[in-house]
Amino acid sequence: MLLERFREAKRSEIASLRRAAEHGELPAVYAGSRPDFMAALQTARRETMPAVVAEYKRASPSRGVICDALEVEDVVRQYASVGAAAVSILTEETFFQGRLAYLERAAKKELYKGPRLPLLRKDFLFDPLQVRYTASTPASALLLIVRLTPKVEVLRALRESTEAHGMQAVVEVFDADDLRLARESGARIIQVNARDLENLSVHRDACLVLARDNPPERGEIWIAASGIRSSAHMREAADAGFHAVLVGSALMEGGQPAAALSALLA
């Protein structure tokens, strides 16, 4: 299963974090302010158009290299200028060409004409030390995938640790069973991924059906991820009950992320 390959790719990172923790060498927790990720999505959402979490995404297992000509500062500046509610930063190195340092670079004040946008660390996180390491960055939120942490008590502990460090957890699900576990763990931000992890195909209709059959409950914010490529897709997500969408490839692939995001929001 592809997720197991992702898990295996993180083993050396976790081993390094354990050695650092044993020697008291973990970096200090970020001392600056973290914009509220959940509140940003709620504020940007419109009745017929969801908020957009725009992603800095250089590559992926399904596409290979998507766009490696633009630095994170270029892309974040463009996203902020045309109406993104938040920015997702891929930090996974092996498959997505990400770097944890992109979070620090994406938080530079000079990239924003107004308040800084909240940053989501998108990676494969399943160990408490990964949460602690994320807390040393300016991230406002991090991604937890139910299928990487299928035990409710583990998922809950990771979420609670995330919140204890002043961040929020975006809990990703693929089907109704995942959703049940996410809710049992106390998740409030739920991301539904339309991508099949076995063959990497996208089934956007299945994502919409899950939301219609299991409507967001009071206090929950839902994000639709994968396969969003047009304003029509955005409206369909809103109609199904999603508060936001996460878009990466469709914004990055042409090398003009601001123009692509403007077209989505039109």
Protein backbone atom coordinates (compact mmCIF):
# COMPACT_ATOMS: atom_id res chain seq x y z
CA MET A 1 0.00 0.00 0.00
CA LEU A 2 1.26 3.45 -0.89
CA LEU A 3 0.76 4.77 2.63
CA GLU A 4 3.20 2.16 3.92
CA ARG A 5 5.83 3.46 1.52
CA PHE A 6 5.20 6.95 2.88
CA ARG A 7 5.47 5.65 6.44
CA GLU A 8 8.73 3.88 5.69
CA ALA A 9 10.17 7.04 4.14
CA LYS A 10 9.69 8.84 7.47
CA ARG A 11 11.57 6.27 9.58
CA SER A 12 14.94 8.01 9.37
CA GLU A 13 13.37 11.38 10.24
CA ILE A 14 11.71 9.93 13.34
CA ALA A 15 14.93 8.18 14.37
CA SER A 16 16.79 11.51 14.11
CA LEU A 17 14.12 13.23 16.19
CA ARG A 18 14.42 10.55 18.89
CA ARG A 19 18.18 11.03 19.09
CA ALA A 20 17.71 14.78 19.32
CA ALA A 21 15.11 14.37 22.06
CA GLU A 22 17.37 12.05 24.04
CA HIS A 23 20.13 14.69 23.99
CA GLY A 24 17.83 17.64 24.64
CA GLU A 25 18.52 19.03 21.17
CA LEU A 26 15.02 19.47 19.76
CA PRO A 27 14.53 23.01 18.42
CA ALA A 28 12.57 25.38 20.62
CA VAL A 29 8.85 25.77 20.13
CA TYR A 30 8.03 28.67 17.80
CA ALA A 31 7.45 31.78 19.90
CA GLY A 32 5.57 33.87 17.35
CA SER A 33 1.84 34.07 16.74
CA ARG A 34 0.02 31.48 14.67
CA PRO A 35 -2.96 32.74 12.61
CA ASP A 36 -6.10 30.71 13.32
CA PHE A 37 -6.46 28.17 10.49
CA MET A 38 -10.06 27.17 11.23
CA ALA A 39 -11.23 30.76 11.66
CA ALA A 40 -9.59 31.76 8.37
CA LEU A 41 -11.60 29.13 6.48
CA GLN A 42 -14.82 30.16 8.19
CA THR A 43 -14.23 33.83 7.35
CA ALA A 44 -13.34 33.24 3.69
CA ARG A 45 -16.18 30.83 2.96
CA ARG A 46 -19.13 32.10 0.90
CA GLU A 47 -22.56 30.53 0.48
CA THR A 48 -21.86 29.18 -3.02
CA MET A 49 -18.06 29.21 -2.99
CA PRO A 50 -15.79 27.47 -0.46
CA ALA A 51 -12.63 28.94 0.96
CA VAL A 52 -9.41 27.86 -0.75
CA VAL A 53 -6.40 26.31 0.94
CA ALA A 54 -3.84 26.88 -1.82
CA GLU A 55 -0.87 24.53 -1.87
CA TYR A 56 2.82 24.89 -2.61
CA LYS A 57 3.46 21.58 -4.35
CA ARG A 58 6.58 20.92 -6.40
CA ALA A 59 6.01 17.23 -7.20
CA SER A 60 3.84 14.20 -6.39
CA PRO A 61 3.97 10.41 -6.81
CA SER A 62 1.16 10.51 -9.36
CA ARG A 63 2.52 13.38 -11.47
CA GLY A 64 6.25 13.48 -10.93
CA VAL A 65 7.61 17.03 -11.13
CA ILE A 66 4.73 19.53 -11.29
CA CYS A 67 6.56 22.85 -10.99
CA ASP A 68 10.04 23.28 -9.56
CA ALA A 69 10.77 26.64 -11.16
CA LEU A 70 8.95 28.70 -8.52
CA GLU A 71 10.27 29.22 -5.01
CA VAL A 72 7.91 29.07 -2.06
CA GLU A 73 8.13 32.84 -1.52
CA ASP A 74 6.99 33.51 -5.10
CA VAL A 75 3.99 31.23 -4.80
CA VAL A 76 2.87 32.32 -1.34
CA ARG A 77 3.06 35.98 -2.35
CA GLN A 78 0.83 35.24 -5.34
CA TYR A 79 -1.67 33.19 -3.34
CA ALA A 80 -1.97 35.89 -0.70
CA SER A 81 -2.58 38.58 -3.31
CA VAL A 82 -5.59 36.92 -4.97
CA GLY A 83 -7.66 35.54 -2.12
CA ALA A 84 -6.34 32.29 -0.65
CA ALA A 85 -7.69 31.68 2.85
CA ALA A 86 -4.67 29.61 3.91
CA VAL A 87 -1.59 27.99 2.41
CA SER A 88 -0.70 24.30 2.50
CA ILE A 89 3.03 23.59 2.40
CA LEU A 90 4.18 20.11 1.42
CA THR A 91 7.21 19.26 3.54
CA GLU A 92 7.67 15.57 2.60
CA GLU A 93 11.01 15.20 0.82
CA THR A 94 11.16 11.78 -0.84
CA PHE A 95 7.99 11.85 -2.93
CA PHE A 96 6.98 15.53 -3.00
CA GLN A 97 10.32 17.42 -3.01
CA GLY A 98 9.22 19.29 0.11
CA ARG A 99 11.27 20.81 2.92
CA LEU A 100 10.32 21.71 6.49
CA ALA A 101 12.21 24.98 5.96
CA TYR A 102 9.53 26.06 3.48
CA LEU A 103 7.25 26.83 6.43
CA GLU A 104 9.65 29.40 7.84
CA ARG A 105 10.15 30.93 4.40
CA ALA A 106 6.38 31.06 3.77
CA ALA A 107 5.84 33.02 7.00
CA LYS A 108 7.97 36.03 6.02
CA LYS A 109 6.04 39.23 6.70
CA GLU A 110 7.13 40.87 3.44
CA LEU A 111 5.12 38.30 1.43
CA TYR A 112 1.83 39.69 2.72
CA LYS A 113 0.22 43.08 2.22
CA GLY A 114 -2.12 42.33 5.13
CA PRO A 115 -2.10 39.75 7.94
CA ARG A 116 -0.13 36.56 7.37
CA LEU A 117 -2.11 33.59 6.11
CA PRO A 118 -2.22 30.46 8.28
CA LEU A 119 0.09 27.68 7.12
CA LEU A 120 -0.76 23.97 7.04
CA ARG A 121 2.10 21.48 7.25
CA LYS A 122 1.15 18.69 4.86
CA ASP A 123 3.22 15.58 5.46
CA PHE A 124 2.95 12.03 6.77
CA LEU A 125 2.84 12.51 10.53
CA PHE A 126 2.17 9.71 12.98
CA ASP A 127 4.69 10.11 15.79
CA PRO A 128 4.45 12.56 18.73
CA LEU A 129 7.94 13.85 17.99
CA GLN A 130 6.82 14.91 14.51
CA VAL A 131 4.12 17.01 16.15
CA ARG A 132 6.70 18.50 18.52
CA TYR A 133 9.05 19.23 15.59
CA THR A 134 6.23 20.95 13.69
CA ALA A 135 5.68 23.14 16.73
CA SER A 136 9.14 24.62 16.16
CA THR A 137 7.88 26.10 12.87
CA PRO A 138 5.32 28.88 12.20
CA ALA A 139 2.69 26.33 11.09
CA SER A 140 -0.86 27.00 12.27
CA ALA A 141 -2.02 23.47 11.47
CA LEU A 142 -0.74 20.04 10.53
CA LEU A 143 -2.21 17.05 8.70
CA LEU A 144 -3.09 13.77 10.44
CA ILE A 145 -4.23 10.89 8.21
CA VAL A 146 -6.60 8.40 9.84
CA ARG A 147 -5.16 5.48 7.89
CA LEU A 148 -1.68 6.22 9.21
CA THR A 149 -3.04 6.29 12.78
CA PRO A 150 -6.11 4.01 12.74
CA LYS A 151 -6.22 3.61 16.54
CA VAL A 152 -8.56 6.24 17.97
CA GLU A 153 -6.51 6.71 21.14
CA VAL A 154 -3.35 7.40 19.10
CA LEU A 155 -5.13 9.81 16.77
CA ARG A 156 -6.69 11.61 19.73
CA ALA A 157 -3.33 11.90 21.50
CA LEU A 158 -1.69 13.38 18.39
CA ARG A 159 -4.54 15.86 17.97
CA GLU A 160 -4.41 16.89 21.62
CA SER A 161 -0.63 17.33 21.44
CA THR A 162 -1.06 19.46 18.33
CA GLU A 163 -3.56 21.70 20.09
CA ALA A 164 -1.43 21.88 23.23
CA HIS A 165 1.29 23.46 21.10
CA GLY A 166 -1.09 26.11 19.77
CA MET A 167 -1.78 24.47 16.41
CA GLN A 168 -4.82 22.77 14.89
CA ALA A 169 -5.13 19.29 13.40
CA VAL A 170 -6.60 18.67 9.96
CA VAL A 171 -7.72 15.03 10.08
CA GLU A 172 -7.89 13.37 6.67
CA VAL A 173 -10.39 10.64 5.79
CA PHE A 174 -11.21 8.61 2.70
CA ASP A 175 -14.47 6.88 3.58
CA ALA A 176 -17.20 6.54 6.19
CA ASP A 177 -15.12 4.23 8.41
CA ASP A 178 -12.31 6.79 8.50
CA LEU A 179 -14.84 9.50 9.29
CA ARG A 180 -16.20 7.54 12.24
CA LEU A 181 -12.69 7.21 13.69
CA ALA A 182 -11.96 10.88 13.07
CA ARG A 183 -15.08 11.94 14.94
CA GLU A 184 -14.38 9.52 17.80
CA SER A 185 -10.96 11.14 18.15
CA GLY A 186 -12.55 14.57 18.54
CA ALA A 187 -11.51 15.97 15.15
CA ARG A 188 -13.06 19.32 14.26
CA ILE A 189 -11.34 19.94 10.92
CA ILE A 190 -12.03 17.05 8.56
CA GLN A 191 -10.44 16.75 5.14
CA VAL A 192 -11.92 14.28 2.65
CA ASN A 193 -9.38 13.08 0.09
CA ALA A 194 -10.85 11.97 -3.23
CA ARG A 195 -7.67 10.13 -4.26
CA ASP A 196 -7.54 6.32 -4.18
CA LEU A 197 -4.38 5.38 -2.31
CA GLU A 198 -4.04 2.07 -4.11
CA ASN A 199 -3.79 3.40 -7.69
CA LEU A 200 -3.69 7.19 -7.15
CA SER A 201 -6.80 7.74 -9.26
CA VAL A 202 -9.22 10.50 -8.22
CA HIS A 203 -12.90 9.85 -7.51
CA ARG A 204 -14.31 13.27 -6.76
CA ASP A 205 -17.91 12.02 -6.79
CA ALA A 206 -17.14 9.65 -3.91
CA CYS A 207 -15.83 12.61 -1.92
CA LEU A 208 -19.07 14.54 -2.55
CA VAL A 209 -21.26 11.53 -1.70
CA LEU A 210 -19.48 11.03 1.63
CA ALA A 211 -20.29 14.61 2.61
CA ARG A 212 -23.90 14.36 1.50
CA ASP A 213 -24.46 11.06 3.32
CA ASN A 214 -22.64 12.22 6.47
CA PRO A 215 -23.26 15.97 6.69
CA PRO A 216 -20.80 18.07 8.67
CA GLU A 217 -21.86 18.27 12.29
CA ARG A 218 -22.04 21.38 14.41
CA GLY A 219 -18.58 22.73 15.08
CA GLU A 220 -16.93 20.85 12.20
CA ILE A 221 -15.15 22.40 9.21
CA TRP A 222 -14.85 20.17 6.13
CA ILE A 223 -12.24 20.44 3.37
CA ALA A 224 -12.46 18.67 -0.01
CA ALA A 225 -9.05 17.61 -1.36
CA SER A 226 -7.86 16.28 -4.74
CA GLY A 227 -9.46 16.74 -8.14
CA ILE A 228 -10.59 20.36 -7.76
CA ARG A 229 -9.80 21.99 -11.10
CA SER A 230 -12.58 24.45 -11.90
CA SER A 231 -15.09 26.89 -10.45
CA ALA A 232 -17.79 24.30 -11.16
CA HIS A 233 -15.93 21.81 -8.96
CA MET A 234 -15.74 24.47 -6.26
CA ARG A 235 -19.49 25.06 -6.34
CA GLU A 236 -20.22 21.32 -6.28
CA ALA A 237 -18.08 21.00 -3.15
CA ALA A 238 -19.97 23.87 -1.52
CA ASP A 239 -23.31 22.32 -2.46
CA ALA A 240 -22.24 19.03 -0.84
CA GLY A 241 -21.51 20.83 2.43
CA PHE A 242 -17.77 21.51 2.24
CA HIS A 243 -16.55 24.72 3.80
CA ALA A 244 -13.22 24.73 1.94
CA VAL A 245 -11.19 23.02 -0.76
CA LEU A 246 -7.48 22.22 -0.89
CA VAL A 247 -5.97 22.74 -4.34
CA GLY A 248 -2.37 22.07 -5.32
CA SER A 249 -1.63 20.58 -8.74
CA ALA A 250 -4.22 22.65 -10.61
CA LEU A 251 -2.65 25.85 -9.26
CA MET A 252 1.00 24.92 -9.68
CA GLU A 253 1.15 23.01 -12.95
CA GLY A 254 1.05 26.02 -15.32
CA GLY A 255 3.64 28.04 -13.44
CA GLN A 256 1.15 30.88 -12.85
CA PRO A 257 -0.48 30.15 -9.50
CA ALA A 258 -2.09 33.58 -9.05
CA ALA A 259 -3.84 33.41 -12.42
CA ALA A 260 -4.96 29.83 -11.75
CA LEU A 261 -6.35 30.70 -8.32
CA SER A 262 -8.12 33.78 -9.69
CA ALA A 263 -9.81 31.60 -12.31
CA LEU A 264 -10.98 29.15 -9.63
CA LEU A 265 -12.42 31.98 -7.54
CA ALA A 266 -14.13 33.70 -10.47
